Amino acid sequence: LLAHRHLTQQARAQIESAVSSSPVVLFMKGTPDAPECGFSRAVVQVLDLHNVPQEKMRTYNVLADPELRSGIKEFSEWPTVPQVYVNGEFVGGCDILLNMHQSGELESLLEKGDIIPKSTPAPETTASTS
């Protein structure tokens, strides 16, 4: 018989509050300055590449809270950490974020969510006459 842990209402409410606490929320192992696994490090680097402002991102170190570590996996129905949420919606883990980065989907998602400014095409250079 397998025991299946169910999130308590209190734990679910705390995670829902965390997920909606900032436009970008990252549940990771370690901290952005000191990630404790390569997948968490990769996610931090991808978000840095997109210049996600610190004030629009909140991180939670699941290693500091065993209940959060197991609870976030059940909450998202995703078996691994790191996990990224954008505007309260679960985006995915490291592999999904990397794929979205490579395809351009991540930039579009961050722009549509008003997390990063929309990129504008470079203006065409015109010959100036003076």
N, C-alpha and C. Protein backbone atom coordinates (compact mmCIF):
# COMPACT_ATOMS: atom_id res chain seq x y z
N LEU A 1 0.85 -1.19 0.00
CA LEU A 1 0.00 0.00 0.00
C LEU A 1 0.89 1.25 0.00
N LEU A 2 0.64 2.14 -0.91
CA LEU A 2 1.41 3.39 -0.97
C LEU A 2 0.66 4.48 -0.21
N ALA A 3 1.38 5.16 0.63
CA ALA A 3 0.77 6.28 1.35
C ALA A 3 0.87 7.51 0.45
N HIS A 4 -0.21 8.20 0.24
CA HIS A 4 -0.22 9.41 -0.58
C HIS A 4 -0.50 10.59 0.33
N ARG A 5 0.42 11.51 0.37
CA ARG A 5 0.29 12.67 1.24
C ARG A 5 -0.61 13.69 0.57
N HIS A 6 -1.54 14.22 1.32
CA HIS A 6 -2.41 15.26 0.79
C HIS A 6 -2.06 16.58 1.47
N LEU A 7 -2.03 17.63 0.69
CA LEU A 7 -1.76 18.95 1.24
C LEU A 7 -2.88 19.35 2.19
N THR A 8 -2.50 19.90 3.32
CA THR A 8 -3.51 20.46 4.22
C THR A 8 -4.03 21.75 3.59
N GLN A 9 -5.21 22.15 4.00
CA GLN A 9 -5.77 23.41 3.49
C GLN A 9 -4.83 24.57 3.81
N GLN A 10 -4.21 24.52 5.00
CA GLN A 10 -3.29 25.59 5.40
C GLN A 10 -2.07 25.62 4.49
N ALA A 11 -1.49 24.45 4.22
CA ALA A 11 -0.31 24.39 3.34
C ALA A 11 -0.67 24.86 1.93
N ARG A 12 -1.83 24.41 1.44
CA ARG A 12 -2.28 24.83 0.10
C ARG A 12 -2.46 26.35 0.05
N ALA A 13 -3.05 26.93 1.08
CA ALA A 13 -3.26 28.38 1.13
C ALA A 13 -1.93 29.12 1.16
N GLN A 14 -0.95 28.60 1.90
CA GLN A 14 0.36 29.24 1.96
C GLN A 14 1.05 29.20 0.60
N ILE A 15 0.95 28.07 -0.09
CA ILE A 15 1.58 27.97 -1.41
C ILE A 15 0.85 28.87 -2.41
N GLU A 16 -0.48 28.90 -2.37
CA GLU A 16 -1.23 29.80 -3.26
C GLU A 16 -0.83 31.24 -3.02
N SER A 17 -0.66 31.61 -1.77
CA SER A 17 -0.23 32.96 -1.43
C SER A 17 1.17 33.24 -1.98
N ALA A 18 2.07 32.26 -1.84
CA ALA A 18 3.44 32.41 -2.34
C ALA A 18 3.44 32.57 -3.86
N VAL A 19 2.67 31.73 -4.54
CA VAL A 19 2.63 31.73 -6.00
C VAL A 19 2.13 33.07 -6.54
N SER A 20 1.24 33.71 -5.81
CA SER A 20 0.68 34.98 -6.27
C SER A 20 1.38 36.18 -5.63
N SER A 21 2.49 35.95 -4.92
CA SER A 21 3.16 37.04 -4.19
C SER A 21 3.98 37.96 -5.09
N SER A 22 4.25 37.54 -6.31
CA SER A 22 5.11 38.30 -7.21
C SER A 22 4.81 37.87 -8.64
N PRO A 23 5.09 38.71 -9.63
CA PRO A 23 4.84 38.31 -11.02
C PRO A 23 5.61 37.03 -11.42
N VAL A 24 6.84 36.88 -10.95
CA VAL A 24 7.61 35.67 -11.21
C VAL A 24 7.96 35.05 -9.87
N VAL A 25 7.63 33.78 -9.70
CA VAL A 25 7.94 33.07 -8.47
C VAL A 25 8.71 31.81 -8.84
N LEU A 26 9.83 31.63 -8.15
CA LEU A 26 10.70 30.48 -8.40
C LEU A 26 10.89 29.70 -7.11
N PHE A 27 10.49 28.44 -7.15
CA PHE A 27 10.77 27.51 -6.05
C PHE A 27 12.02 26.76 -6.48
N MET A 28 13.09 26.88 -5.70
CA MET A 28 14.38 26.35 -6.11
C MET A 28 15.12 25.73 -4.94
N LYS A 29 16.20 25.04 -5.27
CA LYS A 29 17.10 24.52 -4.24
C LYS A 29 18.22 25.54 -4.08
N GLY A 30 18.25 26.18 -2.93
CA GLY A 30 19.23 27.23 -2.67
C GLY A 30 18.62 28.60 -2.92
N THR A 31 19.50 29.55 -3.19
CA THR A 31 19.09 30.93 -3.45
C THR A 31 19.69 31.36 -4.79
N PRO A 32 19.19 32.45 -5.37
CA PRO A 32 19.76 32.89 -6.65
C PRO A 32 21.27 33.15 -6.57
N ASP A 33 21.74 33.66 -5.44
CA ASP A 33 23.18 33.91 -5.28
C ASP A 33 23.97 32.64 -4.99
N ALA A 34 23.30 31.62 -4.47
CA ALA A 34 23.98 30.37 -4.12
C ALA A 34 23.05 29.17 -4.41
N PRO A 35 22.80 28.91 -5.71
CA PRO A 35 21.95 27.77 -6.03
C PRO A 35 22.62 26.47 -5.59
N GLU A 36 21.80 25.51 -5.13
CA GLU A 36 22.36 24.27 -4.62
C GLU A 36 22.11 23.09 -5.55
N CYS A 37 21.72 23.37 -6.80
CA CYS A 37 21.68 22.31 -7.82
C CYS A 37 21.80 22.97 -9.18
N GLY A 38 22.30 22.21 -10.13
CA GLY A 38 22.54 22.75 -11.47
C GLY A 38 21.28 23.19 -12.18
N PHE A 39 20.15 22.49 -11.92
CA PHE A 39 18.89 22.87 -12.58
C PHE A 39 18.40 24.22 -12.06
N SER A 40 18.51 24.42 -10.73
CA SER A 40 18.12 25.71 -10.16
C SER A 40 19.03 26.82 -10.69
N ARG A 41 20.33 26.53 -10.78
CA ARG A 41 21.29 27.52 -11.32
C ARG A 41 20.90 27.89 -12.76
N ALA A 42 20.56 26.89 -13.58
CA ALA A 42 20.20 27.15 -14.98
C ALA A 42 18.96 28.04 -15.08
N VAL A 43 17.96 27.79 -14.24
CA VAL A 43 16.74 28.60 -14.27
C VAL A 43 17.06 30.04 -13.89
N VAL A 44 17.87 30.22 -12.86
CA VAL A 44 18.26 31.58 -12.44
C VAL A 44 18.98 32.28 -13.59
N GLN A 45 19.88 31.56 -14.26
CA GLN A 45 20.63 32.16 -15.37
C GLN A 45 19.71 32.56 -16.53
N VAL A 46 18.73 31.73 -16.85
CA VAL A 46 17.79 32.06 -17.93
C VAL A 46 16.98 33.29 -17.57
N LEU A 47 16.49 33.36 -16.33
CA LEU A 47 15.72 34.54 -15.92
C LEU A 47 16.60 35.78 -15.93
N ASP A 48 17.87 35.63 -15.56
CA ASP A 48 18.82 36.76 -15.63
C ASP A 48 19.03 37.20 -17.08
N LEU A 49 19.13 36.23 -18.00
CA LEU A 49 19.32 36.57 -19.42
C LEU A 49 18.17 37.44 -19.94
N HIS A 50 16.99 37.23 -19.39
CA HIS A 50 15.82 38.00 -19.81
C HIS A 50 15.64 39.27 -18.98
N ASN A 51 16.61 39.55 -18.12
CA ASN A 51 16.58 40.77 -17.29
C ASN A 51 15.30 40.91 -16.48
N VAL A 52 14.86 39.79 -15.87
CA VAL A 52 13.69 39.86 -14.99
C VAL A 52 14.11 40.70 -13.78
N PRO A 53 13.44 41.82 -13.54
CA PRO A 53 13.82 42.69 -12.43
C PRO A 53 13.64 42.00 -11.07
N GLN A 54 14.58 42.24 -10.17
CA GLN A 54 14.53 41.65 -8.83
C GLN A 54 13.20 41.94 -8.14
N GLU A 55 12.68 43.15 -8.34
CA GLU A 55 11.44 43.53 -7.65
C GLU A 55 10.22 42.80 -8.22
N LYS A 56 10.38 42.13 -9.35
CA LYS A 56 9.26 41.38 -9.93
C LYS A 56 9.45 39.87 -9.79
N MET A 57 10.46 39.46 -8.99
CA MET A 57 10.72 38.03 -8.82
C MET A 57 10.88 37.71 -7.34
N ARG A 58 10.28 36.61 -6.94
CA ARG A 58 10.41 36.13 -5.56
C ARG A 58 10.86 34.69 -5.63
N THR A 59 11.82 34.33 -4.78
CA THR A 59 12.31 32.96 -4.77
C THR A 59 12.08 32.34 -3.40
N TYR A 60 11.88 31.02 -3.42
CA TYR A 60 11.69 30.25 -2.20
C TYR A 60 12.67 29.09 -2.24
N ASN A 61 13.47 28.96 -1.17
CA ASN A 61 14.43 27.88 -1.05
C ASN A 61 13.73 26.67 -0.43
N VAL A 62 13.45 25.65 -1.24
CA VAL A 62 12.72 24.49 -0.72
C VAL A 62 13.57 23.65 0.23
N LEU A 63 14.89 23.83 0.19
CA LEU A 63 15.75 23.07 1.10
C LEU A 63 15.62 23.58 2.54
N ALA A 64 15.16 24.81 2.69
CA ALA A 64 15.00 25.38 4.02
C ALA A 64 13.66 25.00 4.66
N ASP A 65 12.78 24.37 3.87
CA ASP A 65 11.44 24.05 4.36
C ASP A 65 10.97 22.73 3.75
N PRO A 66 11.18 21.61 4.47
CA PRO A 66 10.81 20.29 3.93
C PRO A 66 9.33 20.18 3.55
N GLU A 67 8.44 20.85 4.30
CA GLU A 67 7.02 20.79 3.95
C GLU A 67 6.76 21.49 2.62
N LEU A 68 7.42 22.62 2.40
CA LEU A 68 7.30 23.32 1.12
C LEU A 68 7.87 22.46 0.00
N ARG A 69 8.99 21.81 0.26
CA ARG A 69 9.64 20.99 -0.77
C ARG A 69 8.71 19.89 -1.27
N SER A 70 8.03 19.21 -0.38
CA SER A 70 7.11 18.16 -0.82
C SER A 70 5.77 18.76 -1.25
N GLY A 71 5.33 19.81 -0.58
CA GLY A 71 4.03 20.40 -0.87
C GLY A 71 3.95 21.05 -2.24
N ILE A 72 5.03 21.71 -2.68
CA ILE A 72 4.99 22.39 -3.97
C ILE A 72 4.85 21.38 -5.10
N LYS A 73 5.45 20.20 -4.92
CA LYS A 73 5.35 19.15 -5.95
C LYS A 73 3.92 18.64 -6.07
N GLU A 74 3.25 18.52 -4.94
CA GLU A 74 1.86 18.07 -4.96
C GLU A 74 0.95 19.18 -5.48
N PHE A 75 1.22 20.41 -5.08
CA PHE A 75 0.42 21.56 -5.48
C PHE A 75 0.40 21.69 -7.01
N SER A 76 1.58 21.58 -7.63
CA SER A 76 1.69 21.77 -9.08
C SER A 76 1.48 20.47 -9.86
N GLU A 77 1.49 19.36 -9.14
CA GLU A 77 1.47 18.04 -9.77
C GLU A 77 2.67 17.89 -10.70
N TRP A 78 3.80 18.47 -10.28
CA TRP A 78 5.05 18.39 -11.02
C TRP A 78 6.08 17.80 -10.06
N PRO A 79 6.79 16.73 -10.47
CA PRO A 79 7.58 15.97 -9.51
C PRO A 79 8.93 16.54 -9.10
N THR A 80 9.35 17.62 -9.76
CA THR A 80 10.71 18.10 -9.49
C THR A 80 10.74 19.57 -9.16
N VAL A 81 11.87 20.00 -8.62
CA VAL A 81 12.19 21.39 -8.33
C VAL A 81 13.47 21.66 -9.11
N PRO A 82 13.62 22.80 -9.75
CA PRO A 82 12.88 24.06 -9.60
C PRO A 82 11.53 24.07 -10.33
N GLN A 83 10.71 25.02 -9.87
CA GLN A 83 9.42 25.28 -10.50
C GLN A 83 9.25 26.78 -10.65
N VAL A 84 8.76 27.18 -11.82
CA VAL A 84 8.58 28.60 -12.13
C VAL A 84 7.10 28.88 -12.34
N TYR A 85 6.64 29.97 -11.74
CA TYR A 85 5.28 30.46 -11.92
C TYR A 85 5.38 31.88 -12.46
N VAL A 86 4.53 32.20 -13.43
CA VAL A 86 4.47 33.56 -13.97
C VAL A 86 3.03 34.02 -13.85
N ASN A 87 2.86 35.12 -13.15
CA ASN A 87 1.54 35.70 -12.88
C ASN A 87 0.56 34.64 -12.36
N GLY A 88 1.05 33.85 -11.40
CA GLY A 88 0.22 32.88 -10.71
C GLY A 88 0.02 31.56 -11.44
N GLU A 89 0.54 31.43 -12.66
CA GLU A 89 0.36 30.22 -13.45
C GLU A 89 1.66 29.41 -13.47
N PHE A 90 1.53 28.11 -13.28
CA PHE A 90 2.69 27.22 -13.34
C PHE A 90 3.20 27.15 -14.77
N VAL A 91 4.49 27.45 -14.95
CA VAL A 91 5.10 27.40 -16.28
C VAL A 91 5.80 26.06 -16.48
N GLY A 92 6.60 25.65 -15.49
CA GLY A 92 7.30 24.38 -15.62
C GLY A 92 8.60 24.40 -14.85
N GLY A 93 9.41 23.41 -15.15
CA GLY A 93 10.71 23.26 -14.51
C GLY A 93 11.82 23.70 -15.45
N CYS A 94 13.01 23.23 -15.18
CA CYS A 94 14.20 23.65 -15.92
C CYS A 94 14.10 23.34 -17.41
N ASP A 95 13.77 22.11 -17.78
CA ASP A 95 13.73 21.72 -19.20
C ASP A 95 12.73 22.57 -19.98
N ILE A 96 11.54 22.74 -19.41
CA ILE A 96 10.51 23.52 -20.10
C ILE A 96 10.96 24.97 -20.25
N LEU A 97 11.53 25.54 -19.19
CA LEU A 97 11.98 26.93 -19.26
C LEU A 97 13.08 27.09 -20.31
N LEU A 98 14.02 26.15 -20.36
CA LEU A 98 15.09 26.21 -21.37
C LEU A 98 14.52 26.13 -22.78
N ASN A 99 13.56 25.23 -23.00
CA ASN A 99 12.93 25.11 -24.32
C ASN A 99 12.20 26.40 -24.68
N MET A 100 11.48 26.98 -23.72
CA MET A 100 10.76 28.23 -23.97
C MET A 100 11.74 29.36 -24.27
N HIS A 101 12.87 29.37 -23.59
CA HIS A 101 13.90 30.39 -23.84
C HIS A 101 14.41 30.26 -25.28
N GLN A 102 14.73 29.02 -25.68
CA GLN A 102 15.29 28.80 -27.02
C GLN A 102 14.29 29.11 -28.12
N SER A 103 13.01 28.87 -27.88
CA SER A 103 12.00 29.09 -28.92
C SER A 103 11.49 30.54 -28.96
N GLY A 104 11.82 31.33 -27.94
CA GLY A 104 11.32 32.71 -27.87
C GLY A 104 10.02 32.83 -27.09
N GLU A 105 9.43 31.69 -26.70
CA GLU A 105 8.16 31.72 -25.96
C GLU A 105 8.30 32.40 -24.60
N LEU A 106 9.45 32.20 -23.95
CA LEU A 106 9.63 32.77 -22.61
C LEU A 106 9.64 34.29 -22.68
N GLU A 107 10.36 34.84 -23.65
CA GLU A 107 10.40 36.29 -23.80
C GLU A 107 8.98 36.83 -24.05
N SER A 108 8.23 36.17 -24.91
CA SER A 108 6.85 36.60 -25.19
C SER A 108 6.00 36.56 -23.92
N LEU A 109 6.12 35.47 -23.16
CA LEU A 109 5.35 35.33 -21.92
C LEU A 109 5.70 36.44 -20.93
N LEU A 110 6.98 36.73 -20.79
CA LEU A 110 7.42 37.77 -19.84
C LEU A 110 6.99 39.16 -20.31
N GLU A 111 7.00 39.37 -21.63
CA GLU A 111 6.54 40.66 -22.16
C GLU A 111 5.03 40.82 -21.97
N LYS A 112 4.26 39.79 -22.31
CA LYS A 112 2.80 39.86 -22.18
C LYS A 112 2.39 40.05 -20.73
N GLY A 113 3.18 39.51 -19.80
CA GLY A 113 2.88 39.65 -18.39
C GLY A 113 3.38 40.94 -17.79
N ASP A 114 3.91 41.84 -18.62
CA ASP A 114 4.46 43.13 -18.17
C ASP A 114 5.57 42.95 -17.14
N ILE A 115 6.35 41.89 -17.31
CA ILE A 115 7.46 41.63 -16.40
C ILE A 115 8.74 42.25 -16.95
N ILE A 116 8.89 42.15 -18.27
CA ILE A 116 10.01 42.82 -18.94
C ILE A 116 9.41 43.70 -20.02
N PRO A 117 10.13 44.77 -20.41
CA PRO A 117 9.60 45.63 -21.47
C PRO A 117 9.56 44.89 -22.81
N LYS A 118 8.60 45.25 -23.63
CA LYS A 118 8.52 44.66 -24.96
C LYS A 118 9.74 45.10 -25.77
N SER A 119 10.34 44.15 -26.45
CA SER A 119 11.51 44.52 -27.26
C SER A 119 11.01 45.21 -28.52
N THR A 120 11.66 46.29 -28.84
CA THR A 120 11.26 47.03 -30.04
C THR A 120 12.33 46.80 -31.09
N PRO A 121 11.91 46.63 -32.33
CA PRO A 121 12.90 46.43 -33.39
C PRO A 121 13.77 47.67 -33.50
N ALA A 122 15.01 47.46 -33.84
CA ALA A 122 15.93 48.59 -34.00
C ALA A 122 15.43 49.49 -35.12
N PRO A 123 15.45 50.81 -34.90
CA PRO A 123 14.97 51.71 -35.95
C PRO A 123 15.90 51.62 -37.16
N GLU A 124 15.28 51.75 -38.32
CA GLU A 124 16.09 51.71 -39.54
C GLU A 124 16.89 52.99 -39.59
N THR A 125 18.13 52.84 -40.03
CA THR A 125 18.97 54.04 -40.13
C THR A 125 18.64 54.75 -41.44
N THR A 126 18.48 56.03 -41.34
CA THR A 126 18.21 56.83 -42.53
C THR A 126 19.32 57.84 -42.67
N ALA A 127 19.62 58.15 -43.89
CA ALA A 127 20.67 59.13 -44.15
C ALA A 127 20.17 60.50 -43.70
N SER A 128 20.95 61.14 -42.88
CA SER A 128 20.53 62.46 -42.41
C SER A 128 21.16 63.52 -43.29
N THR A 129 20.38 64.52 -43.59
CA THR A 129 20.90 65.62 -44.40
C THR A 129 20.93 66.86 -43.52
N SER A 130 22.11 67.46 -43.42
CA SER A 130 22.19 68.68 -42.62
C SER A 130 22.88 69.75 -43.41
